[in-house]
Amino acid sequence: MQMKGSPYDSILAAFTGIVECGGVFGVNSGFVPKALKSLPNSRIKLTIFDTVKGLIAMNQKELQSIIEENRAKMLS
C-alpha cells in the first residue's frame, strides 16, 4: 500500500484481497525469499558480535594482569 497505484485502500481490504486471490497461503507467499535473504545477514552480524565480544574479554583479562603487575611493582 506504500506504492502508488495500490488496488487496496486499507489493510483489511489488502488482507481479504490477498486471501481471495492466493488463498491462506498467499498471505505468506514472500516469507521464504525474505528468510533466504536475511539469514546470511543475521549470521554475519552474530558472528562478528561474538568475535568482538571474545576479543574484548581477552583484552580485559590482559589489562587486569598488567594492572596487577604494576601494583605488585609499586608495593615492593
PDB file of N, CA and C in Angstrom:
ATOM      1  N   MET A   1       0.818  -1.192   0.000  1.00  0.00           N
ATOM      2  CA  MET A   1       0.000   0.000   0.000  1.00  0.00           C
ATOM      3  C   MET A   1       0.860   1.254   0.000  1.00  0.00           C
ATOM      4  N   GLN A   2       2.152   1.107   0.230  1.00  0.00           N
ATOM      5  CA  GLN A   2       3.027   2.266   0.205  1.00  0.00           C
ATOM      6  C   GLN A   2       3.344   2.695  -1.219  1.00  0.00           C
ATOM      7  N   MET A   3       3.180   1.779  -2.151  1.00  0.00           N
ATOM      8  CA  MET A   3       3.450   2.108  -3.548  1.00  0.00           C
ATOM      9  C   MET A   3       2.239   2.823  -4.148  1.00  0.00           C
ATOM     10  N   LYS A   4       2.506   3.680  -5.101  1.00  0.00           N
ATOM     11  CA  LYS A   4       1.407   4.360  -5.772  1.00  0.00           C
ATOM     12  C   LYS A   4       0.677   3.355  -6.658  1.00  0.00           C
ATOM     13  N   GLY A   5      -0.607   3.505  -6.744  1.00  0.00           N
ATOM     14  CA  GLY A   5      -1.394   2.632  -7.602  1.00  0.00           C
ATOM     15  C   GLY A   5      -1.761   1.311  -6.955  1.00  0.00           C
ATOM     16  N   SER A   6      -1.725   1.225  -5.635  1.00  0.00           N
ATOM     17  CA  SER A   6      -2.124   0.004  -4.947  1.00  0.00           C
ATOM     18  C   SER A   6      -3.633  -0.177  -5.091  1.00  0.00           C
ATOM     19  N   PRO A   7      -4.084  -1.394  -5.375  1.00  0.00           N
ATOM     20  CA  PRO A   7      -5.525  -1.600  -5.533  1.00  0.00           C
ATOM     21  C   PRO A   7      -6.274  -1.633  -4.206  1.00  0.00           C
ATOM     22  N   TYR A   8      -5.558  -1.567  -3.090  1.00  0.00           N
ATOM     23  CA  TYR A   8      -6.192  -1.685  -1.780  1.00  0.00           C
ATOM     24  C   TYR A   8      -6.228  -0.334  -1.086  1.00  0.00           C
ATOM     25  N   ASP A   9      -7.319  -0.115  -0.349  1.00  0.00           N
ATOM     26  CA  ASP A   9      -7.484   1.144   0.379  1.00  0.00           C
ATOM     27  C   ASP A   9      -7.065   1.030   1.842  1.00  0.00           C
ATOM     28  N   SER A  10      -7.148  -0.182   2.392  1.00  0.00           N
ATOM     29  CA  SER A  10      -6.817  -0.377   3.800  1.00  0.00           C
ATOM     30  C   SER A  10      -6.144  -1.735   3.981  1.00  0.00           C
ATOM     31  N   ILE A  11      -5.670  -1.971   5.177  1.00  0.00           N
ATOM     32  CA  ILE A  11      -5.021  -3.243   5.474  1.00  0.00           C
ATOM     33  C   ILE A  11      -6.027  -4.379   5.406  1.00  0.00           C
ATOM     34  N   LEU A  12      -7.229  -4.132   5.904  1.00  0.00           N
ATOM     35  CA  LEU A  12      -8.259  -5.164   5.862  1.00  0.00           C
ATOM     36  C   LEU A  12      -8.615  -5.527   4.421  1.00  0.00           C
ATOM     37  N   ALA A  13      -8.738  -4.526   3.563  1.00  0.00           N
ATOM     38  CA  ALA A  13      -9.032  -4.782   2.149  1.00  0.00           C
ATOM     39  C   ALA A  13      -7.884  -5.546   1.484  1.00  0.00           C
ATOM     40  N   ALA A  14      -6.653  -5.209   1.839  1.00  0.00           N
ATOM     41  CA  ALA A  14      -5.499  -5.906   1.282  1.00  0.00           C
ATOM     42  C   ALA A  14      -5.488  -7.357   1.732  1.00  0.00           C
ATOM     43  N   PHE A  15      -5.740  -7.588   3.003  1.00  0.00           N
ATOM     44  CA  PHE A  15      -5.735  -8.945   3.527  1.00  0.00           C
ATOM     45  C   PHE A  15      -6.804  -9.797   2.859  1.00  0.00           C
ATOM     46  N   THR A  16      -8.022  -9.270   2.783  1.00  0.00           N
ATOM     47  CA  THR A  16      -9.098 -10.043   2.154  1.00  0.00           C
ATOM     48  C   THR A  16      -8.833 -10.255   0.670  1.00  0.00           C
ATOM     49  N   GLY A  17      -8.273  -9.266  -0.006  1.00  0.00           N
ATOM     50  CA  GLY A  17      -7.953  -9.418  -1.422  1.00  0.00           C
ATOM     51  C   GLY A  17      -6.888 -10.471  -1.663  1.00  0.00           C
ATOM     52  N   ILE A  18      -5.874 -10.495  -0.814  1.00  0.00           N
ATOM     53  CA  ILE A  18      -4.802 -11.490  -0.942  1.00  0.00           C
ATOM     54  C   ILE A  18      -5.338 -12.886  -0.668  1.00  0.00           C
ATOM     55  N   VAL A  19      -6.180 -13.031   0.348  1.00  0.00           N
ATOM     56  CA  VAL A  19      -6.757 -14.335   0.665  1.00  0.00           C
ATOM     57  C   VAL A  19      -7.658 -14.809  -0.478  1.00  0.00           C
ATOM     58  N   GLU A  20      -8.410 -13.892  -1.090  1.00  0.00           N
ATOM     59  CA  GLU A  20      -9.273 -14.268  -2.213  1.00  0.00           C
ATOM     60  C   GLU A  20      -8.455 -14.730  -3.418  1.00  0.00           C
ATOM     61  N   CYS A  21      -7.360 -14.049  -3.706  1.00  0.00           N
ATOM     62  CA  CYS A  21      -6.553 -14.389  -4.890  1.00  0.00           C
ATOM     63  C   CYS A  21      -5.659 -15.602  -4.657  1.00  0.00           C
ATOM     64  N   GLY A  22      -4.951 -15.638  -3.550  1.00  0.00           N
ATOM     65  CA  GLY A  22      -3.953 -16.681  -3.338  1.00  0.00           C
ATOM     66  C   GLY A  22      -4.285 -17.665  -2.250  1.00  0.00           C
ATOM     67  N   GLY A  23      -5.427 -17.528  -1.635  1.00  0.00           N
ATOM     68  CA  GLY A  23      -5.781 -18.406  -0.533  1.00  0.00           C
ATOM     69  C   GLY A  23      -5.024 -18.021   0.731  1.00  0.00           C
ATOM     70  N   VAL A  24      -5.152 -18.871   1.726  1.00  0.00           N
ATOM     71  CA  VAL A  24      -4.496 -18.589   3.018  1.00  0.00           C
ATOM     72  C   VAL A  24      -2.981 -18.585   2.858  1.00  0.00           C
ATOM     73  N   PHE A  25      -2.451 -19.431   1.969  1.00  0.00           N
ATOM     74  CA  PHE A  25      -1.003 -19.483   1.768  1.00  0.00           C
ATOM     75  C   PHE A  25      -0.479 -18.244   1.030  1.00  0.00           C
ATOM     76  N   GLY A  26      -1.350 -17.488   0.396  1.00  0.00           N
ATOM     77  CA  GLY A  26      -0.940 -16.278  -0.298  1.00  0.00           C
ATOM     78  C   GLY A  26      -0.459 -15.194   0.641  1.00  0.00           C
ATOM     79  N   VAL A  27      -0.927 -15.245   1.871  1.00  0.00           N
ATOM     80  CA  VAL A  27      -0.512 -14.241   2.863  1.00  0.00           C
ATOM     81  C   VAL A  27       0.972 -14.373   3.164  1.00  0.00           C
ATOM     82  N   ASN A  28       1.486 -15.596   3.175  1.00  0.00           N
ATOM     83  CA  ASN A  28       2.895 -15.841   3.493  1.00  0.00           C
ATOM     84  C   ASN A  28       3.728 -16.128   2.253  1.00  0.00           C
ATOM     85  N   SER A  29       3.297 -15.673   1.103  1.00  0.00           N
ATOM     86  CA  SER A  29       3.982 -16.025  -0.140  1.00  0.00           C
ATOM     87  C   SER A  29       5.405 -15.470  -0.220  1.00  0.00           C
ATOM     88  N   GLY A  30       5.699 -14.391   0.420  1.00  0.00           N
ATOM     89  CA  GLY A  30       7.040 -13.815   0.357  1.00  0.00           C
ATOM     90  C   GLY A  30       7.936 -14.206   1.508  1.00  0.00           C
ATOM     91  N   PHE A  31       7.478 -15.125   2.348  1.00  0.00           N
ATOM     92  CA  PHE A  31       8.257 -15.470   3.539  1.00  0.00           C
ATOM     93  C   PHE A  31       9.572 -16.164   3.206  1.00  0.00           C
ATOM     94  N   VAL A  32       9.538 -17.159   2.328  1.00  0.00           N
ATOM     95  CA  VAL A  32      10.746 -17.930   2.023  1.00  0.00           C
ATOM     96  C   VAL A  32      11.826 -17.064   1.374  1.00  0.00           C
ATOM     97  N   PRO A  33      11.513 -16.259   0.351  1.00  0.00           N
ATOM     98  CA  PRO A  33      12.574 -15.399  -0.204  1.00  0.00           C
ATOM     99  C   PRO A  33      13.132 -14.407   0.822  1.00  0.00           C
ATOM    100  N   LYS A  34      12.257 -13.875   1.658  1.00  0.00           N
ATOM    101  CA  LYS A  34      12.706 -12.933   2.692  1.00  0.00           C
ATOM    102  C   LYS A  34      13.631 -13.630   3.684  1.00  0.00           C
ATOM    103  N   ALA A  35      13.276 -14.858   4.082  1.00  0.00           N
ATOM    104  CA  ALA A  35      14.104 -15.607   5.022  1.00  0.00           C
ATOM    105  C   ALA A  35      15.451 -15.955   4.396  1.00  0.00           C
ATOM    106  N   LEU A  36      15.442 -16.366   3.145  1.00  0.00           N
ATOM    107  CA  LEU A  36      16.697 -16.706   2.479  1.00  0.00           C
ATOM    108  C   LEU A  36      17.599 -15.491   2.309  1.00  0.00           C
ATOM    109  N   LYS A  37      16.989 -14.328   2.181  1.00  0.00           N
ATOM    110  CA  LYS A  37      17.769 -13.100   2.034  1.00  0.00           C
ATOM    111  C   LYS A  37      18.345 -12.636   3.367  1.00  0.00           C
ATOM    112  N   SER A  38      17.590 -12.812   4.443  1.00  0.00           N
ATOM    113  CA  SER A  38      18.021 -12.247   5.722  1.00  0.00           C
ATOM    114  C   SER A  38      18.881 -13.199   6.558  1.00  0.00           C
ATOM    115  N   LEU A  39      18.819 -14.496   6.325  1.00  0.00           N
ATOM    116  CA  LEU A  39      19.608 -15.430   7.133  1.00  0.00           C
ATOM    117  C   LEU A  39      21.107 -15.198   7.042  1.00  0.00           C
ATOM    118  N   PRO A  40      21.688 -15.065   5.845  1.00  0.00           N
ATOM    119  CA  PRO A  40      23.140 -14.807   5.809  1.00  0.00           C
ATOM    120  C   PRO A  40      23.523 -13.508   6.512  1.00  0.00           C
ATOM    121  N   ASN A  41      22.696 -12.488   6.365  1.00  0.00           N
ATOM    122  CA  ASN A  41      22.966 -11.204   7.012  1.00  0.00           C
ATOM    123  C   ASN A  41      22.964 -11.356   8.531  1.00  0.00           C
ATOM    124  N   SER A  42      21.999 -12.090   9.058  1.00  0.00           N
ATOM    125  CA  SER A  42      21.930 -12.303  10.503  1.00  0.00           C
ATOM    126  C   SER A  42      23.117 -13.121  10.997  1.00  0.00           C
ATOM    127  N   ARG A  43      23.496 -14.126  10.241  1.00  0.00           N
ATOM    128  CA  ARG A  43      24.643 -14.949  10.648  1.00  0.00           C
ATOM    129  C   ARG A  43      25.924 -14.130  10.689  1.00  0.00           C
ATOM    130  N   ILE A  44      26.111 -13.268   9.710  1.00  0.00           N
ATOM    131  CA  ILE A  44      27.309 -12.428   9.684  1.00  0.00           C
ATOM    132  C   ILE A  44      27.324 -11.496  10.884  1.00  0.00           C
ATOM    133  N   LYS A  45      26.191 -10.880  11.180  1.00  0.00           N
ATOM    134  CA  LYS A  45      26.114  -9.965  12.326  1.00  0.00           C
ATOM    135  C   LYS A  45      26.417 -10.681  13.632  1.00  0.00           C
ATOM    136  N   LEU A  46      25.816 -11.855  13.836  1.00  0.00           N
ATOM    137  CA  LEU A  46      26.031 -12.581  15.084  1.00  0.00           C
ATOM    138  C   LEU A  46      27.466 -13.091  15.207  1.00  0.00           C
ATOM    139  N   THR A  47      28.060 -13.522  14.099  1.00  0.00           N
ATOM    140  CA  THR A  47      29.442 -13.982  14.130  1.00  0.00           C
ATOM    141  C   THR A  47      30.387 -12.844  14.490  1.00  0.00           C
ATOM    142  N   ILE A  48      30.195 -11.695  13.890  1.00  0.00           N
ATOM    143  CA  ILE A  48      31.035 -10.536  14.196  1.00  0.00           C
ATOM    144  C   ILE A  48      30.845 -10.120  15.650  1.00  0.00           C
ATOM    145  N   PHE A  49      29.605 -10.113  16.126  1.00  0.00           N
ATOM    146  CA  PHE A  49      29.331  -9.741  17.514  1.00  0.00           C
ATOM    147  C   PHE A  49      30.055 -10.673  18.481  1.00  0.00           C
ATOM    148  N   ASP A  50      29.950 -11.992  18.251  1.00  0.00           N
ATOM    149  CA  ASP A  50      30.610 -12.950  19.141  1.00  0.00           C
ATOM    150  C   ASP A  50      32.124 -12.810  19.088  1.00  0.00           C
ATOM    151  N   THR A  51      32.672 -12.570  17.902  1.00  0.00           N
ATOM    152  CA  THR A  51      34.123 -12.418  17.769  1.00  0.00           C
ATOM    153  C   THR A  51      34.612 -11.182  18.515  1.00  0.00           C
ATOM    154  N   VAL A  52      33.936 -10.073  18.334  1.00  0.00           N
ATOM    155  CA  VAL A  52      34.338  -8.831  19.014  1.00  0.00           C
ATOM    156  C   VAL A  52      34.166  -8.966  20.516  1.00  0.00           C
ATOM    157  N   LYS A  53      33.100  -9.622  20.944  1.00  0.00           N
ATOM    158  CA  LYS A  53      32.875  -9.836  22.369  1.00  0.00           C
ATOM    159  C   LYS A  53      34.011 -10.661  22.976  1.00  0.00           C
ATOM    160  N   GLY A  54      34.468 -11.695  22.260  1.00  0.00           N
ATOM    161  CA  GLY A  54      35.592 -12.503  22.730  1.00  0.00           C
ATOM    162  C   GLY A  54      36.882 -11.710  22.794  1.00  0.00           C
ATOM    163  N   LEU A  55      37.113 -10.863  21.788  1.00  0.00           N
ATOM    164  CA  LEU A  55      38.327 -10.036  21.784  1.00  0.00           C
ATOM    165  C   LEU A  55      38.320  -9.043  22.942  1.00  0.00           C
ATOM    166  N   ILE A  56      37.175  -8.459  23.216  1.00  0.00           N
ATOM    167  CA  ILE A  56      37.076  -7.517  24.338  1.00  0.00           C
ATOM    168  C   ILE A  56      37.337  -8.240  25.655  1.00  0.00           C
ATOM    169  N   ALA A  57      36.794  -9.441  25.807  1.00  0.00           N
ATOM    170  CA  ALA A  57      37.009 -10.204  27.039  1.00  0.00           C
ATOM    171  C   ALA A  57      38.489 -10.540  27.211  1.00  0.00           C
ATOM    172  N   MET A  58      39.160 -10.939  26.117  1.00  0.00           N
ATOM    173  CA  MET A  58      40.597 -11.246  26.202  1.00  0.00           C
ATOM    174  C   MET A  58      41.388 -10.004  26.588  1.00  0.00           C
ATOM    175  N   ASN A  59      41.047  -8.864  26.000  1.00  0.00           N
ATOM    176  CA  ASN A  59      41.775  -7.634  26.300  1.00  0.00           C
ATOM    177  C   ASN A  59      41.542  -7.189  27.737  1.00  0.00           C
ATOM    178  N   GLN A  60      40.361  -7.415  28.272  1.00  0.00           N
ATOM    179  CA  GLN A  60      40.097  -7.051  29.662  1.00  0.00           C
ATOM    180  C   GLN A  60      40.923  -7.907  30.611  1.00  0.00           C
ATOM    181  N   LYS A  61      41.069  -9.209  30.305  1.00  0.00           N
ATOM    182  CA  LYS A  61      41.893 -10.082  31.137  1.00  0.00           C
ATOM    183  C   LYS A  61      43.356  -9.644  31.086  1.00  0.00           C
ATOM    184  N   GLU A  62      43.819  -9.290  29.900  1.00  0.00           N
ATOM    185  CA  GLU A  62      45.202  -8.848  29.760  1.00  0.00           C
ATOM    186  C   GLU A  62      45.420  -7.530  30.500  1.00  0.00           C
ATOM    187  N   LEU A  63      44.475  -6.620  30.403  1.00  0.00           N
ATOM    188  CA  LEU A  63      44.567  -5.349  31.114  1.00  0.00           C
ATOM    189  C   LEU A  63      44.599  -5.582  32.614  1.00  0.00           C
ATOM    190  N   GLN A  64      43.775  -6.502  33.115  1.00  0.00           N
ATOM    191  CA  GLN A  64      43.758  -6.804  34.539  1.00  0.00           C
ATOM    192  C   GLN A  64      45.103  -7.347  34.994  1.00  0.00           C
ATOM    193  N   SER A  65      45.722  -8.201  34.184  1.00  0.00           N
ATOM    194  CA  SER A  65      47.032  -8.752  34.574  1.00  0.00           C
ATOM    195  C   SER A  65      48.095  -7.663  34.573  1.00  0.00           C
ATOM    196  N   ILE A  66      48.057  -6.745  33.645  1.00  0.00           N
ATOM    197  CA  ILE A  66      49.017  -5.637  33.612  1.00  0.00           C
ATOM    198  C   ILE A  66      48.842  -4.749  34.839  1.00  0.00           C
ATOM    199  N   ILE A  67      47.604  -4.468  35.209  1.00  0.00           N
ATOM    200  CA  ILE A  67      47.329  -3.634  36.391  1.00  0.00           C
ATOM    201  C   ILE A  67      47.867  -4.325  37.645  1.00  0.00           C
ATOM    202  N   GLU A  68      47.629  -5.631  37.755  1.00  0.00           N
ATOM    203  CA  GLU A  68      48.124  -6.360  38.928  1.00  0.00           C
ATOM    204  C   GLU A  68      49.644  -6.376  38.977  1.00  0.00           C
ATOM    205  N   GLU A  69      50.308  -6.522  37.831  1.00  0.00           N
ATOM    206  CA  GLU A  69      51.773  -6.488  37.792  1.00  0.00           C
ATOM    207  C   GLU A  69      52.299  -5.128  38.241  1.00  0.00           C
ATOM    208  N   ASN A  70      51.653  -4.068  37.779  1.00  0.00           N
ATOM    209  CA  ASN A  70      52.096  -2.707  38.162  1.00  0.00           C
ATOM    210  C   ASN A  70      51.862  -2.463  39.650  1.00  0.00           C
ATOM    211  N   ARG A  71      50.769  -2.963  40.199  1.00  0.00           N
ATOM    212  CA  ARG A  71      50.526  -2.812  41.644  1.00  0.00           C
ATOM    213  C   ARG A  71      51.579  -3.549  42.448  1.00  0.00           C
ATOM    214  N   ALA A  72      51.933  -4.754  41.986  1.00  0.00           N
ATOM    215  CA  ALA A  72      52.948  -5.550  42.685  1.00  0.00           C
ATOM    216  C   ALA A  72      54.292  -4.824  42.650  1.00  0.00           C
ATOM    217  N   LYS A  73      54.633  -4.209  41.536  1.00  0.00           N
ATOM    218  CA  LYS A  73      55.900  -3.471  41.426  1.00  0.00           C
ATOM    219  C   LYS A  73      55.907  -2.269  42.335  1.00  0.00           C
ATOM    220  N   MET A  74      54.773  -1.576  42.444  1.00  0.00           N
ATOM    221  CA  MET A  74      54.705  -0.377  43.269  1.00  0.00           C
ATOM    222  C   MET A  74      54.759  -0.722  44.750  1.00  0.00           C
ATOM    223  N   LEU A  75      54.214  -1.868  45.150  1.00  0.00           N
ATOM    224  CA  LEU A  75      54.213  -2.249  46.558  1.00  0.00           C
ATOM    225  C   LEU A  75      55.560  -2.782  47.030  1.00  0.00           C
ATOM    226  N   SER A  76      56.340  -3.323  46.090  1.00  0.00           N
ATOM    227  CA  SER A  76      57.625  -3.888  46.518  1.00  0.00           C
ATOM    228  C   SER A  76      58.747  -2.887  46.436  1.00  0.00           C
TER     229      SER A  76
END
